[in-house]
N, C-alpha and C. Protein backbone atom coordinates (compact mmCIF):
# COMPACT_ATOMS: atom_id res chain seq x y z
N MET A 1 120.61 113.15 93.16
CA MET A 1 119.61 112.19 93.61
C MET A 1 118.22 112.82 93.48
N LEU A 2 117.29 112.04 92.97
CA LEU A 2 115.92 112.51 92.78
C LEU A 2 115.20 112.59 94.12
N LYS A 3 114.60 113.73 94.40
CA LYS A 3 113.86 113.89 95.65
C LYS A 3 112.56 113.10 95.60
N LYS A 4 112.17 112.54 96.74
CA LYS A 4 110.89 111.88 96.85
C LYS A 4 109.84 112.91 97.25
N ASN A 5 108.60 112.58 96.95
CA ASN A 5 107.49 113.50 97.21
C ASN A 5 106.63 113.01 98.37
N ILE A 6 106.40 113.87 99.32
CA ILE A 6 105.47 113.58 100.41
C ILE A 6 104.18 114.33 100.13
N CYS A 7 103.10 113.59 100.08
CA CYS A 7 101.78 114.17 99.88
C CYS A 7 101.15 114.40 101.24
N VAL A 8 100.84 115.65 101.54
CA VAL A 8 100.25 116.00 102.83
C VAL A 8 98.78 116.34 102.62
N PHE A 9 97.93 115.69 103.40
CA PHE A 9 96.51 116.00 103.45
C PHE A 9 96.23 116.68 104.78
N CYS A 10 95.60 117.84 104.73
CA CYS A 10 95.28 118.58 105.96
C CYS A 10 94.26 119.65 105.65
N GLY A 11 93.85 120.36 106.68
CA GLY A 11 92.78 121.34 106.56
C GLY A 11 93.14 122.58 105.76
N ALA A 12 92.14 123.08 105.02
CA ALA A 12 92.28 124.36 104.33
C ALA A 12 92.03 125.51 105.30
N SER A 13 91.55 125.18 106.47
CA SER A 13 91.43 126.18 107.54
C SER A 13 92.41 125.79 108.64
N SER A 14 92.56 126.68 109.62
CA SER A 14 93.54 126.44 110.69
C SER A 14 92.97 125.67 111.87
N GLY A 15 91.65 125.58 111.96
CA GLY A 15 91.04 124.88 113.08
C GLY A 15 91.02 125.74 114.33
N ALA A 16 90.47 125.19 115.40
CA ALA A 16 90.28 125.93 116.64
C ALA A 16 91.55 126.01 117.50
N ASP A 17 92.40 125.01 117.38
CA ASP A 17 93.61 124.94 118.21
C ASP A 17 94.78 125.58 117.47
N PRO A 18 95.36 126.66 118.00
CA PRO A 18 96.49 127.31 117.33
C PRO A 18 97.69 126.39 117.10
N ASP A 19 97.79 125.32 117.89
CA ASP A 19 98.89 124.37 117.70
C ASP A 19 98.82 123.67 116.35
N HIS A 20 97.63 123.53 115.78
CA HIS A 20 97.51 122.84 114.49
C HIS A 20 98.34 123.55 113.42
N GLU A 21 98.27 124.87 113.39
CA GLU A 21 99.04 125.61 112.39
C GLU A 21 100.54 125.49 112.66
N ARG A 22 100.93 125.51 113.91
CA ARG A 22 102.35 125.32 114.25
C ARG A 22 102.83 123.93 113.85
N ILE A 23 101.97 122.93 114.04
CA ILE A 23 102.31 121.57 113.63
C ILE A 23 102.53 121.53 112.12
N ALA A 24 101.62 122.13 111.37
CA ALA A 24 101.73 122.14 109.91
C ALA A 24 103.01 122.84 109.46
N GLU A 25 103.34 123.95 110.09
CA GLU A 25 104.59 124.66 109.76
C GLU A 25 105.80 123.79 110.06
N LYS A 26 105.79 123.12 111.20
CA LYS A 26 106.91 122.26 111.59
C LYS A 26 107.04 121.08 110.62
N ILE A 27 105.92 120.51 110.21
CA ILE A 27 105.95 119.40 109.25
C ILE A 27 106.55 119.89 107.93
N GLY A 28 106.14 121.06 107.46
CA GLY A 28 106.71 121.63 106.24
C GLY A 28 108.22 121.83 106.36
N GLU A 29 108.63 122.33 107.52
CA GLU A 29 110.06 122.54 107.79
C GLU A 29 110.82 121.21 107.71
N ILE A 30 110.28 120.18 108.33
CA ILE A 30 110.92 118.86 108.33
C ILE A 30 110.98 118.30 106.92
N ILE A 31 109.91 118.45 106.15
CA ILE A 31 109.89 117.95 104.78
C ILE A 31 111.02 118.60 103.98
N GLY A 32 111.18 119.90 104.12
CA GLY A 32 112.25 120.60 103.42
C GLY A 32 113.63 120.21 103.91
N GLN A 33 113.81 120.18 105.22
CA GLN A 33 115.11 119.86 105.80
C GLN A 33 115.57 118.44 105.49
N TYR A 34 114.61 117.53 105.31
CA TYR A 34 114.96 116.14 105.03
C TYR A 34 114.95 115.84 103.53
N ASN A 35 114.98 116.91 102.72
CA ASN A 35 115.19 116.81 101.28
C ASN A 35 114.05 116.10 100.53
N PHE A 36 112.82 116.41 100.92
CA PHE A 36 111.64 115.92 100.21
C PHE A 36 110.94 117.08 99.53
N ASN A 37 110.17 116.76 98.49
CA ASN A 37 109.26 117.72 97.89
C ASN A 37 107.90 117.55 98.54
N LEU A 38 107.05 118.55 98.38
CA LEU A 38 105.70 118.51 98.93
C LEU A 38 104.69 118.45 97.79
N VAL A 39 103.73 117.56 97.93
CA VAL A 39 102.55 117.49 97.06
C VAL A 39 101.36 117.77 97.96
N TYR A 40 100.49 118.68 97.52
CA TYR A 40 99.34 119.01 98.36
C TYR A 40 98.26 119.67 97.51
N GLY A 41 97.18 120.08 98.13
CA GLY A 41 96.01 120.60 97.44
C GLY A 41 96.10 122.02 96.92
N ALA A 42 97.24 122.68 97.02
CA ALA A 42 97.53 123.98 96.40
C ALA A 42 97.00 125.19 97.15
N GLY A 43 96.28 125.02 98.24
CA GLY A 43 95.70 126.16 98.94
C GLY A 43 96.74 127.02 99.65
N SER A 44 96.38 128.30 99.81
CA SER A 44 97.29 129.24 100.48
C SER A 44 96.89 129.52 101.92
N THR A 45 95.77 128.95 102.36
CA THR A 45 95.26 129.24 103.70
C THR A 45 95.32 128.01 104.60
N GLY A 46 95.07 128.25 105.86
CA GLY A 46 94.95 127.17 106.83
C GLY A 46 96.21 126.34 106.96
N LEU A 47 95.99 125.08 107.33
CA LEU A 47 97.13 124.17 107.53
C LEU A 47 97.84 123.89 106.21
N MET A 48 97.06 123.80 105.13
CA MET A 48 97.68 123.57 103.82
C MET A 48 98.67 124.67 103.50
N GLY A 49 98.24 125.91 103.62
CA GLY A 49 99.11 127.04 103.32
C GLY A 49 100.32 127.10 104.24
N ALA A 50 100.09 126.86 105.53
CA ALA A 50 101.19 126.91 106.51
C ALA A 50 102.24 125.85 106.20
N CYS A 51 101.80 124.64 105.89
CA CYS A 51 102.74 123.55 105.58
C CYS A 51 103.51 123.85 104.30
N ALA A 52 102.80 124.28 103.26
CA ALA A 52 103.44 124.53 101.97
C ALA A 52 104.44 125.69 102.05
N LYS A 53 104.05 126.77 102.70
CA LYS A 53 104.96 127.92 102.82
C LYS A 53 106.23 127.52 103.56
N SER A 54 106.09 126.73 104.61
CA SER A 54 107.24 126.30 105.39
C SER A 54 108.12 125.32 104.60
N ALA A 55 107.50 124.39 103.89
CA ALA A 55 108.27 123.44 103.08
C ALA A 55 109.07 124.20 102.02
N LYS A 56 108.42 125.14 101.36
CA LYS A 56 109.07 125.94 100.31
C LYS A 56 110.24 126.74 100.89
N LYS A 57 110.00 127.37 102.03
CA LYS A 57 111.04 128.16 102.71
C LYS A 57 112.25 127.30 103.08
N ASN A 58 112.01 126.01 103.32
CA ASN A 58 113.07 125.11 103.75
C ASN A 58 113.62 124.22 102.63
N GLY A 59 113.38 124.64 101.37
CA GLY A 59 114.05 123.98 100.24
C GLY A 59 113.25 122.99 99.44
N SER A 60 112.01 122.76 99.77
CA SER A 60 111.19 121.82 99.00
C SER A 60 110.67 122.47 97.73
N LYS A 61 110.57 121.67 96.70
CA LYS A 61 109.76 122.06 95.56
C LYS A 61 108.33 121.72 95.96
N VAL A 62 107.41 122.62 95.70
CA VAL A 62 106.03 122.43 96.13
C VAL A 62 105.15 122.23 94.90
N PHE A 63 104.47 121.09 94.86
CA PHE A 63 103.53 120.76 93.80
C PHE A 63 102.11 120.92 94.35
N GLY A 64 101.38 121.88 93.82
CA GLY A 64 100.00 122.08 94.22
C GLY A 64 99.07 121.61 93.13
N ILE A 65 98.06 120.83 93.50
CA ILE A 65 97.11 120.29 92.53
C ILE A 65 95.71 120.68 92.98
N MET A 66 95.00 121.41 92.11
CA MET A 66 93.72 121.98 92.51
C MET A 66 92.73 121.91 91.35
N PRO A 67 91.49 121.48 91.64
CA PRO A 67 90.46 121.55 90.58
C PRO A 67 90.16 123.02 90.26
N ARG A 68 89.94 123.28 88.99
CA ARG A 68 89.72 124.66 88.54
C ARG A 68 88.58 125.33 89.32
N PHE A 69 87.49 124.60 89.60
CA PHE A 69 86.37 125.22 90.31
C PHE A 69 86.77 125.66 91.72
N LEU A 70 87.68 124.91 92.34
CA LEU A 70 88.10 125.25 93.69
C LEU A 70 89.01 126.48 93.69
N GLY A 71 89.71 126.69 92.59
CA GLY A 71 90.55 127.87 92.46
C GLY A 71 89.76 129.17 92.45
N LYS A 72 88.46 129.06 92.21
CA LYS A 72 87.58 130.23 92.26
C LYS A 72 87.09 130.50 93.68
N ILE A 73 87.25 129.51 94.55
CA ILE A 73 86.80 129.60 95.94
C ILE A 73 87.99 129.85 96.88
N GLU A 74 89.07 129.11 96.66
CA GLU A 74 90.27 129.20 97.48
C GLU A 74 91.41 129.76 96.63
N GLU A 75 92.19 130.63 97.21
CA GLU A 75 93.34 131.21 96.51
C GLU A 75 94.50 130.21 96.54
N PRO A 76 95.00 129.80 95.36
CA PRO A 76 96.18 128.92 95.38
C PRO A 76 97.43 129.69 95.84
N LEU A 77 98.35 128.96 96.39
CA LEU A 77 99.61 129.55 96.82
C LEU A 77 100.40 129.98 95.60
N GLU A 78 101.05 131.13 95.68
CA GLU A 78 101.83 131.65 94.57
C GLU A 78 103.22 131.03 94.52
N LYS A 79 103.79 131.04 93.33
CA LYS A 79 105.17 130.61 93.09
C LYS A 79 105.41 129.15 93.50
N ILE A 80 104.46 128.28 93.11
CA ILE A 80 104.62 126.84 93.27
C ILE A 80 104.39 126.20 91.91
N ASP A 81 104.68 124.94 91.79
CA ASP A 81 104.37 124.19 90.57
C ASP A 81 102.89 123.83 90.66
N LEU A 82 102.05 124.62 90.02
CA LEU A 82 100.60 124.54 90.16
C LEU A 82 99.97 123.86 88.96
N THR A 83 99.14 122.85 89.23
CA THR A 83 98.39 122.15 88.19
C THR A 83 96.91 122.28 88.51
N PHE A 84 96.14 122.69 87.51
CA PHE A 84 94.69 122.71 87.66
C PHE A 84 94.11 121.48 86.98
N THR A 85 93.12 120.88 87.64
CA THR A 85 92.43 119.72 87.08
C THR A 85 90.96 120.08 86.87
N LYS A 86 90.25 119.18 86.20
CA LYS A 86 88.83 119.41 85.97
C LYS A 86 87.99 119.02 87.18
N THR A 87 88.37 117.94 87.85
CA THR A 87 87.56 117.41 88.95
C THR A 87 88.40 117.09 90.17
N MET A 88 87.71 116.90 91.30
CA MET A 88 88.38 116.45 92.52
C MET A 88 88.97 115.06 92.31
N ARG A 89 88.25 114.22 91.61
CA ARG A 89 88.71 112.85 91.36
C ARG A 89 90.04 112.85 90.61
N THR A 90 90.14 113.69 89.60
CA THR A 90 91.39 113.80 88.84
C THR A 90 92.50 114.35 89.72
N ARG A 91 92.15 115.33 90.53
CA ARG A 91 93.13 115.91 91.45
C ARG A 91 93.72 114.84 92.35
N LYS A 92 92.84 114.06 92.98
CA LYS A 92 93.33 113.04 93.91
C LYS A 92 94.16 111.99 93.19
N ALA A 93 93.74 111.58 92.00
CA ALA A 93 94.51 110.59 91.24
C ALA A 93 95.92 111.09 90.94
N MET A 94 96.04 112.36 90.59
CA MET A 94 97.37 112.94 90.32
C MET A 94 98.21 112.97 91.59
N MET A 95 97.59 113.33 92.71
CA MET A 95 98.32 113.39 93.97
C MET A 95 98.80 112.00 94.37
N TYR A 96 97.93 111.00 94.22
CA TYR A 96 98.29 109.64 94.60
C TYR A 96 99.46 109.13 93.76
N LYS A 97 99.42 109.44 92.47
CA LYS A 97 100.48 108.98 91.58
C LYS A 97 101.82 109.67 91.88
N LYS A 98 101.77 110.93 92.17
CA LYS A 98 102.98 111.73 92.39
C LYS A 98 103.64 111.42 93.74
N ALA A 99 102.86 110.96 94.70
CA ALA A 99 103.35 110.76 96.08
C ALA A 99 104.22 109.52 96.23
N SER A 100 105.21 109.64 97.10
CA SER A 100 106.01 108.49 97.54
C SER A 100 105.54 108.04 98.92
N LEU A 101 104.94 108.96 99.66
CA LEU A 101 104.48 108.74 101.02
C LEU A 101 103.33 109.70 101.28
N PHE A 102 102.35 109.28 102.07
CA PHE A 102 101.21 110.13 102.43
C PHE A 102 101.31 110.48 103.91
N LEU A 103 101.04 111.73 104.22
CA LEU A 103 101.09 112.21 105.60
C LEU A 103 99.78 112.94 105.90
N ILE A 104 99.08 112.47 106.92
CA ILE A 104 97.78 113.03 107.28
C ILE A 104 97.93 113.88 108.53
N LEU A 105 97.56 115.16 108.42
CA LEU A 105 97.55 116.09 109.54
C LEU A 105 96.09 116.40 109.89
N PRO A 106 95.85 117.17 110.93
CA PRO A 106 94.46 117.52 111.26
C PRO A 106 93.75 118.19 110.08
N GLY A 107 92.48 117.95 110.01
CA GLY A 107 91.66 118.53 108.95
C GLY A 107 90.22 118.13 109.13
N GLY A 108 89.42 118.46 108.15
CA GLY A 108 88.00 118.20 108.21
C GLY A 108 87.59 117.03 107.34
N ILE A 109 86.39 117.10 106.81
CA ILE A 109 85.81 116.00 106.04
C ILE A 109 86.61 115.72 104.77
N GLY A 110 87.17 116.76 104.14
CA GLY A 110 87.98 116.55 102.95
C GLY A 110 89.24 115.77 103.26
N THR A 111 89.89 116.11 104.37
CA THR A 111 91.09 115.40 104.80
C THR A 111 90.74 113.95 105.14
N LEU A 112 89.64 113.76 105.83
CA LEU A 112 89.19 112.40 106.17
C LEU A 112 88.92 111.60 104.90
N ASP A 113 88.26 112.22 103.93
CA ASP A 113 87.97 111.57 102.65
C ASP A 113 89.26 111.12 101.97
N GLU A 114 90.25 112.01 101.91
CA GLU A 114 91.51 111.67 101.24
C GLU A 114 92.22 110.55 101.99
N CYS A 115 92.23 110.61 103.29
CA CYS A 115 92.87 109.57 104.12
C CYS A 115 92.21 108.21 103.87
N VAL A 116 90.90 108.17 103.97
CA VAL A 116 90.17 106.91 103.82
C VAL A 116 90.31 106.37 102.40
N GLU A 117 90.29 107.26 101.41
CA GLU A 117 90.45 106.78 100.04
C GLU A 117 91.82 106.17 99.82
N VAL A 118 92.87 106.80 100.33
CA VAL A 118 94.21 106.22 100.20
C VAL A 118 94.27 104.88 100.92
N LEU A 119 93.73 104.80 102.12
CA LEU A 119 93.70 103.52 102.85
C LEU A 119 92.98 102.45 102.05
N THR A 120 91.87 102.81 101.44
CA THR A 120 91.10 101.87 100.62
C THR A 120 91.91 101.40 99.42
N LEU A 121 92.53 102.34 98.71
CA LEU A 121 93.31 101.98 97.53
C LEU A 121 94.54 101.15 97.88
N ILE A 122 95.12 101.38 99.04
CA ILE A 122 96.22 100.53 99.50
C ILE A 122 95.70 99.13 99.77
N GLN A 123 94.57 99.02 100.45
CA GLN A 123 93.99 97.71 100.75
C GLN A 123 93.65 96.95 99.47
N LEU A 124 93.19 97.66 98.44
CA LEU A 124 92.81 97.04 97.17
C LEU A 124 94.00 96.87 96.23
N LYS A 125 95.19 97.23 96.70
CA LYS A 125 96.43 97.12 95.94
C LYS A 125 96.43 97.98 94.67
N GLN A 126 95.68 99.09 94.71
CA GLN A 126 95.72 100.06 93.62
C GLN A 126 96.82 101.09 93.85
N ILE A 127 97.22 101.24 95.09
CA ILE A 127 98.41 102.00 95.46
C ILE A 127 99.31 101.00 96.16
N GLU A 128 100.50 100.81 95.62
CA GLU A 128 101.40 99.81 96.18
C GLU A 128 102.73 100.44 96.58
N GLU A 129 103.31 99.87 97.60
CA GLU A 129 104.62 100.26 98.09
C GLU A 129 104.68 101.72 98.51
N LYS A 130 103.58 102.22 99.05
CA LYS A 130 103.54 103.57 99.59
C LYS A 130 102.90 103.50 100.96
N LYS A 131 103.53 104.13 101.90
CA LYS A 131 103.03 104.15 103.28
C LYS A 131 102.13 105.36 103.49
N ILE A 132 101.26 105.23 104.47
CA ILE A 132 100.44 106.36 104.90
C ILE A 132 100.71 106.59 106.38
N VAL A 133 101.07 107.81 106.72
CA VAL A 133 101.39 108.19 108.09
C VAL A 133 100.29 109.10 108.60
N ILE A 134 99.65 108.67 109.67
CA ILE A 134 98.68 109.53 110.35
C ILE A 134 99.41 110.18 111.50
N PHE A 135 99.60 111.50 111.38
CA PHE A 135 100.30 112.24 112.43
C PHE A 135 99.26 112.62 113.48
N ASN A 136 99.22 111.85 114.53
CA ASN A 136 98.16 111.93 115.55
C ASN A 136 98.58 112.82 116.72
N TYR A 137 99.07 113.99 116.42
CA TYR A 137 99.52 114.92 117.44
C TYR A 137 98.34 115.40 118.27
N LYS A 138 98.51 115.43 119.57
CA LYS A 138 97.45 115.82 120.51
C LYS A 138 96.20 114.95 120.34
N ASN A 139 96.42 113.72 119.88
CA ASN A 139 95.36 112.71 119.76
C ASN A 139 94.23 113.12 118.82
N TYR A 140 94.53 113.95 117.84
CA TYR A 140 93.49 114.43 116.93
C TYR A 140 92.76 113.29 116.22
N TRP A 141 93.51 112.27 115.79
CA TRP A 141 92.93 111.19 115.01
C TRP A 141 92.60 109.95 115.85
N ASP A 142 92.52 110.07 117.16
CA ASP A 142 92.26 108.90 118.03
C ASP A 142 91.01 108.12 117.63
N LEU A 143 89.92 108.82 117.35
CA LEU A 143 88.68 108.11 117.03
C LEU A 143 88.81 107.33 115.72
N LEU A 144 89.51 107.88 114.74
CA LEU A 144 89.73 107.16 113.49
C LEU A 144 90.61 105.94 113.73
N ILE A 145 91.68 106.10 114.49
CA ILE A 145 92.57 104.97 114.79
C ILE A 145 91.79 103.88 115.52
N LYS A 146 90.96 104.28 116.48
CA LYS A 146 90.15 103.31 117.22
C LYS A 146 89.21 102.57 116.28
N LEU A 147 88.59 103.28 115.36
CA LEU A 147 87.68 102.65 114.40
C LEU A 147 88.44 101.67 113.50
N LEU A 148 89.60 102.06 113.01
CA LEU A 148 90.40 101.17 112.16
C LEU A 148 90.80 99.90 112.92
N LYS A 149 91.17 100.05 114.18
CA LYS A 149 91.53 98.87 114.99
C LYS A 149 90.32 97.96 115.18
N LYS A 150 89.14 98.56 115.37
CA LYS A 150 87.92 97.76 115.50
C LYS A 150 87.63 97.01 114.20
N MET A 151 87.80 97.67 113.08
CA MET A 151 87.59 97.02 111.78
C MET A 151 88.52 95.82 111.62
N LYS A 152 89.77 95.99 112.05
CA LYS A 152 90.72 94.89 111.98
C LYS A 152 90.31 93.76 112.92
N LYS A 153 89.95 94.11 114.13
CA LYS A 153 89.54 93.11 115.12
C LYS A 153 88.32 92.34 114.64
N GLU A 154 87.41 93.04 113.99
CA GLU A 154 86.18 92.41 113.49
C GLU A 154 86.38 91.72 112.14
N LYS A 155 87.65 91.69 111.66
CA LYS A 155 88.04 91.00 110.43
C LYS A 155 87.47 91.64 109.16
N PHE A 156 87.30 92.96 109.19
CA PHE A 156 86.91 93.68 107.98
C PHE A 156 88.13 94.22 107.24
N MET A 157 89.30 94.11 107.87
CA MET A 157 90.57 94.46 107.23
C MET A 157 91.53 93.32 107.52
N ASN A 158 92.38 93.01 106.54
CA ASN A 158 93.29 91.91 106.78
C ASN A 158 94.46 92.35 107.67
N ASP A 159 95.12 91.39 108.24
CA ASP A 159 96.18 91.67 109.21
C ASP A 159 97.36 92.41 108.59
N ASN A 160 97.62 92.22 107.31
CA ASN A 160 98.75 92.88 106.65
C ASN A 160 98.50 94.35 106.40
N PHE A 161 97.27 94.78 106.50
CA PHE A 161 96.91 96.16 106.20
C PHE A 161 97.73 97.14 107.02
N TYR A 162 97.95 96.83 108.28
CA TYR A 162 98.64 97.76 109.16
C TYR A 162 100.12 97.92 108.85
N SER A 163 100.66 97.10 107.98
CA SER A 163 102.07 97.29 107.61
C SER A 163 102.25 98.55 106.76
N ASP A 164 101.19 99.04 106.13
CA ASP A 164 101.27 100.25 105.31
C ASP A 164 100.79 101.49 106.05
N LEU A 165 100.25 101.33 107.24
CA LEU A 165 99.72 102.44 108.03
C LEU A 165 100.61 102.66 109.25
N ILE A 166 101.06 103.89 109.39
CA ILE A 166 101.94 104.23 110.51
C ILE A 166 101.29 105.38 111.28
N GLU A 167 101.13 105.19 112.57
CA GLU A 167 100.62 106.26 113.42
C GLU A 167 101.79 106.84 114.19
N LEU A 168 101.97 108.14 114.07
CA LEU A 168 103.02 108.84 114.80
C LEU A 168 102.38 109.99 115.57
N ASN A 169 103.02 110.37 116.66
CA ASN A 169 102.48 111.48 117.44
C ASN A 169 103.54 112.48 117.89
N ASP A 170 104.78 112.31 117.39
CA ASP A 170 105.77 113.32 117.72
C ASP A 170 106.76 113.50 116.57
N PHE A 171 107.41 114.65 116.56
CA PHE A 171 108.29 115.02 115.46
C PHE A 171 109.53 114.15 115.38
N SER A 172 110.07 113.73 116.52
CA SER A 172 111.30 112.92 116.48
C SER A 172 111.05 111.59 115.78
N LYS A 173 109.89 111.00 116.00
CA LYS A 173 109.57 109.73 115.32
C LYS A 173 109.38 109.95 113.82
N LEU A 174 108.80 111.08 113.45
CA LEU A 174 108.65 111.40 112.03
C LEU A 174 110.03 111.58 111.39
N LYS A 175 110.92 112.27 112.06
CA LYS A 175 112.27 112.47 111.54
C LYS A 175 112.99 111.14 111.36
N THR A 176 112.85 110.24 112.32
CA THR A 176 113.46 108.91 112.22
C THR A 176 112.91 108.16 111.01
N LEU A 177 111.60 108.22 110.82
CA LEU A 177 110.99 107.55 109.67
C LEU A 177 111.53 108.13 108.36
N LEU A 178 111.60 109.44 108.27
CA LEU A 178 112.05 110.07 107.02
C LEU A 178 113.52 109.79 106.75
N LYS A 179 114.32 109.66 107.78
CA LYS A 179 115.75 109.31 107.58
C LYS A 179 115.89 107.95 106.92
N SER A 180 114.97 107.04 107.24
CA SER A 180 115.05 105.68 106.72
C SER A 180 114.31 105.50 105.39
N PHE A 181 113.65 106.52 104.95
CA PHE A 181 112.78 106.40 103.77
C PHE A 181 113.54 106.66 102.49
């Protein structure tokens, strides 16, 4: 059976809360244990590195996609299926195409950018039949969720939009989702 790919967007740094790195490691472990591959930004540090190392350790094939210029700034993880692109735009397009599901973990402006772009492309039907999961552990994404709900209430997003967006905040719910996927 062909494995499905989960694309994880998260921070290249670990952030201030040590739990963020533990969350990323646990997510990587779950991805591997539930027989998925990982698609991500190829970094070896922070939450990206923690998630990828854990997924790889637990049986996932890891696909890292990184713009060549970023490879001069950030060290890519070794011994993964690594693709270099010319631009960030090309990188994201490859990640979107390769993914079966998107999973958003804590991160900074880059993670927010990737999350919002996927949400936009889903709304515009440029990405179809793919869900996006915002893993809102310790309420990290509360303000974004609140803003999205306000947009829906104010009729800037259609009512069907939320069928592709899933907010989870614990590992057991993520495991249940992956079992059914």
